[in-house]
N, C-alpha and C. Protein backbone atom coordinates (compact mmCIF):
# COMPACT_ATOMS: atom_id res chain seq x y z
N MET A 1 72.92 69.84 118.41
CA MET A 1 72.97 68.38 118.51
C MET A 1 74.25 68.07 119.32
N PRO A 2 74.10 67.20 120.34
CA PRO A 2 75.27 66.89 121.17
C PRO A 2 76.31 66.04 120.34
N ARG A 3 77.52 66.21 120.71
CA ARG A 3 78.60 65.47 120.04
C ARG A 3 78.54 64.01 120.48
N PRO A 4 78.85 63.05 119.59
CA PRO A 4 78.95 61.67 120.01
C PRO A 4 79.99 61.46 121.05
N MET A 5 79.75 60.54 121.99
CA MET A 5 80.67 60.24 123.04
C MET A 5 81.16 58.84 123.00
N LYS A 6 82.27 58.50 123.55
CA LYS A 6 82.83 57.19 123.63
C LYS A 6 83.16 56.90 125.12
N ARG A 7 83.14 55.66 125.49
CA ARG A 7 83.43 55.23 126.85
C ARG A 7 84.79 54.53 126.73
N ILE A 8 85.62 54.89 127.78
CA ILE A 8 86.96 54.27 127.86
C ILE A 8 87.04 53.45 129.15
N PRO A 9 87.08 52.10 129.14
CA PRO A 9 87.17 51.30 130.26
C PRO A 9 88.55 51.46 130.99
N LEU A 10 88.48 51.77 132.30
CA LEU A 10 89.65 51.97 133.08
C LEU A 10 89.61 51.12 134.38
N ARG A 11 90.74 50.68 134.86
CA ARG A 11 90.86 49.93 136.10
C ARG A 11 90.50 51.07 137.21
N ILE A 12 89.95 50.60 138.33
CA ILE A 12 89.58 51.51 139.36
C ILE A 12 90.80 52.34 139.85
N GLU A 13 91.94 51.72 139.99
CA GLU A 13 93.13 52.41 140.45
C GLU A 13 93.50 53.52 139.44
N THR A 14 93.39 53.24 138.17
CA THR A 14 93.72 54.21 137.17
C THR A 14 92.72 55.39 137.22
N PHE A 15 91.44 55.04 137.38
CA PHE A 15 90.47 56.11 137.49
C PHE A 15 90.65 57.03 138.71
N GLU A 16 91.03 56.37 139.80
CA GLU A 16 91.34 57.18 141.02
C GLU A 16 92.51 58.13 140.82
N GLU A 17 93.61 57.65 140.10
CA GLU A 17 94.73 58.48 139.89
C GLU A 17 94.37 59.60 138.94
N LEU A 18 93.54 59.32 137.96
CA LEU A 18 93.12 60.26 136.92
C LEU A 18 92.22 61.31 137.65
N SER A 19 91.43 60.88 138.55
CA SER A 19 90.51 61.86 139.29
C SER A 19 91.33 62.89 140.07
N LYS A 20 92.53 62.53 140.50
CA LYS A 20 93.36 63.49 141.28
C LYS A 20 93.81 64.64 140.37
N LEU A 21 93.85 64.37 139.07
CA LEU A 21 94.31 65.38 138.08
C LEU A 21 93.20 66.40 137.71
N ARG A 22 91.96 66.03 138.05
CA ARG A 22 90.80 66.76 137.57
C ARG A 22 90.50 67.95 138.52
N GLY A 23 90.39 69.13 137.92
CA GLY A 23 89.98 70.29 138.70
C GLY A 23 88.49 70.37 138.82
N SER A 24 87.95 71.19 139.62
CA SER A 24 86.53 71.20 139.85
C SER A 24 85.77 71.73 138.65
N GLU A 25 86.34 72.54 137.80
CA GLU A 25 85.60 72.98 136.59
C GLU A 25 86.02 72.26 135.35
N GLU A 26 86.95 71.24 135.44
CA GLU A 26 87.33 70.58 134.27
C GLU A 26 86.46 69.35 133.99
N THR A 27 86.32 69.05 132.69
CA THR A 27 85.60 67.86 132.25
C THR A 27 86.65 66.69 132.05
N TRP A 28 86.08 65.50 131.97
CA TRP A 28 87.01 64.43 131.68
C TRP A 28 87.67 64.56 130.27
N ASP A 29 86.94 65.16 129.40
CA ASP A 29 87.43 65.47 128.00
C ASP A 29 88.66 66.48 128.16
N ASP A 30 88.53 67.44 129.02
CA ASP A 30 89.63 68.35 129.25
C ASP A 30 90.86 67.65 129.77
N ILE A 31 90.69 66.74 130.70
CA ILE A 31 91.80 65.98 131.25
C ILE A 31 92.49 65.13 130.17
N VAL A 32 91.69 64.42 129.38
CA VAL A 32 92.24 63.55 128.32
C VAL A 32 93.01 64.42 127.36
N LYS A 33 92.40 65.52 126.93
CA LYS A 33 93.11 66.44 125.96
C LYS A 33 94.49 66.95 126.51
N GLU A 34 94.45 67.27 127.81
CA GLU A 34 95.73 67.75 128.39
C GLU A 34 96.72 66.57 128.45
N LEU A 35 96.30 65.39 128.72
CA LEU A 35 97.23 64.28 128.70
C LEU A 35 97.78 63.97 127.30
N ILE A 36 96.90 64.14 126.33
CA ILE A 36 97.38 63.95 124.91
C ILE A 36 98.43 65.05 124.60
N LYS A 37 98.13 66.35 124.92
CA LYS A 37 99.16 67.36 124.68
C LYS A 37 100.48 67.10 125.39
N THR A 38 100.41 66.65 126.63
CA THR A 38 101.60 66.35 127.42
C THR A 38 102.42 65.25 126.79
N LYS A 39 101.73 64.24 126.37
CA LYS A 39 102.43 63.06 125.73
C LYS A 39 103.02 63.52 124.44
N GLN A 40 102.32 64.28 123.57
CA GLN A 40 102.85 64.74 122.34
C GLN A 40 104.11 65.59 122.54
N LEU A 41 104.12 66.45 123.55
CA LEU A 41 105.29 67.27 123.87
C LEU A 41 106.45 66.41 124.35
N GLN A 42 106.19 65.41 125.17
CA GLN A 42 107.17 64.41 125.58
C GLN A 42 107.78 63.75 124.36
N ASN A 43 106.98 63.28 123.45
CA ASN A 43 107.43 62.58 122.26
C ASN A 43 108.36 63.53 121.41
N ARG A 44 107.98 64.77 121.29
CA ARG A 44 108.79 65.69 120.53
C ARG A 44 110.11 65.94 121.19
N ARG A 45 110.13 66.05 122.46
CA ARG A 45 111.41 66.29 123.22
C ARG A 45 112.28 65.02 123.06
N GLU A 46 111.73 63.89 123.15
CA GLU A 46 112.56 62.69 122.91
C GLU A 46 113.12 62.55 121.53
N LEU A 47 112.30 63.00 120.53
CA LEU A 47 112.83 62.96 119.17
C LEU A 47 113.91 63.99 119.03
N LEU A 48 113.76 65.17 119.58
CA LEU A 48 114.80 66.15 119.50
C LEU A 48 116.07 65.70 120.16
N LYS A 49 115.89 65.02 121.30
CA LYS A 49 117.08 64.52 122.02
C LYS A 49 117.87 63.48 121.18
N ARG A 50 117.11 62.62 120.48
CA ARG A 50 117.71 61.62 119.65
C ARG A 50 118.36 62.24 118.44
N THR A 51 117.75 63.21 117.83
CA THR A 51 118.35 63.89 116.58
C THR A 51 119.57 64.80 117.06
N ASP A 52 119.54 65.32 118.27
CA ASP A 52 120.72 66.08 118.65
C ASP A 52 121.90 65.23 118.80
N ASN A 53 121.76 63.92 119.09
CA ASN A 53 122.91 63.03 119.33
C ASN A 53 123.38 62.50 117.97
N ASP A 54 122.67 62.68 116.91
CA ASP A 54 123.15 62.20 115.65
C ASP A 54 124.07 63.18 114.96
N ASN A 55 124.93 62.75 114.10
CA ASN A 55 125.85 63.62 113.41
C ASN A 55 125.23 64.06 112.15
N PHE A 56 124.76 65.33 112.10
CA PHE A 56 124.24 65.96 110.93
C PHE A 56 125.10 67.05 110.50
N ALA A 57 125.22 67.20 109.19
CA ALA A 57 125.99 68.30 108.63
C ALA A 57 124.93 69.36 108.13
N PRO A 58 125.37 70.64 108.29
CA PRO A 58 124.51 71.61 107.71
C PRO A 58 124.34 71.44 106.23
N LEU A 59 123.18 71.80 105.67
CA LEU A 59 122.91 71.62 104.21
C LEU A 59 123.91 72.32 103.27
N ASP A 60 124.38 73.50 103.76
CA ASP A 60 125.35 74.27 102.95
C ASP A 60 126.69 73.64 102.88
N GLN A 61 126.86 72.67 103.72
CA GLN A 61 128.24 71.90 103.75
C GLN A 61 128.11 70.59 103.04
N VAL A 62 126.93 70.16 102.55
CA VAL A 62 126.80 68.89 102.00
C VAL A 62 127.07 68.97 100.47
């Protein structure tokens, strides 16, 4: 049984930019999943950068 699908409305310009990221063997689902992974990694890096700037004491010194 096929998996249920959703449609995501995009502006034409956005679709054209997204199309440039798509390889010949990739599905739109592949592209969206890769964008999700990239954004999650970016969020983690930003969180690490923020926590690196905070003053934390090692637990054994608390």
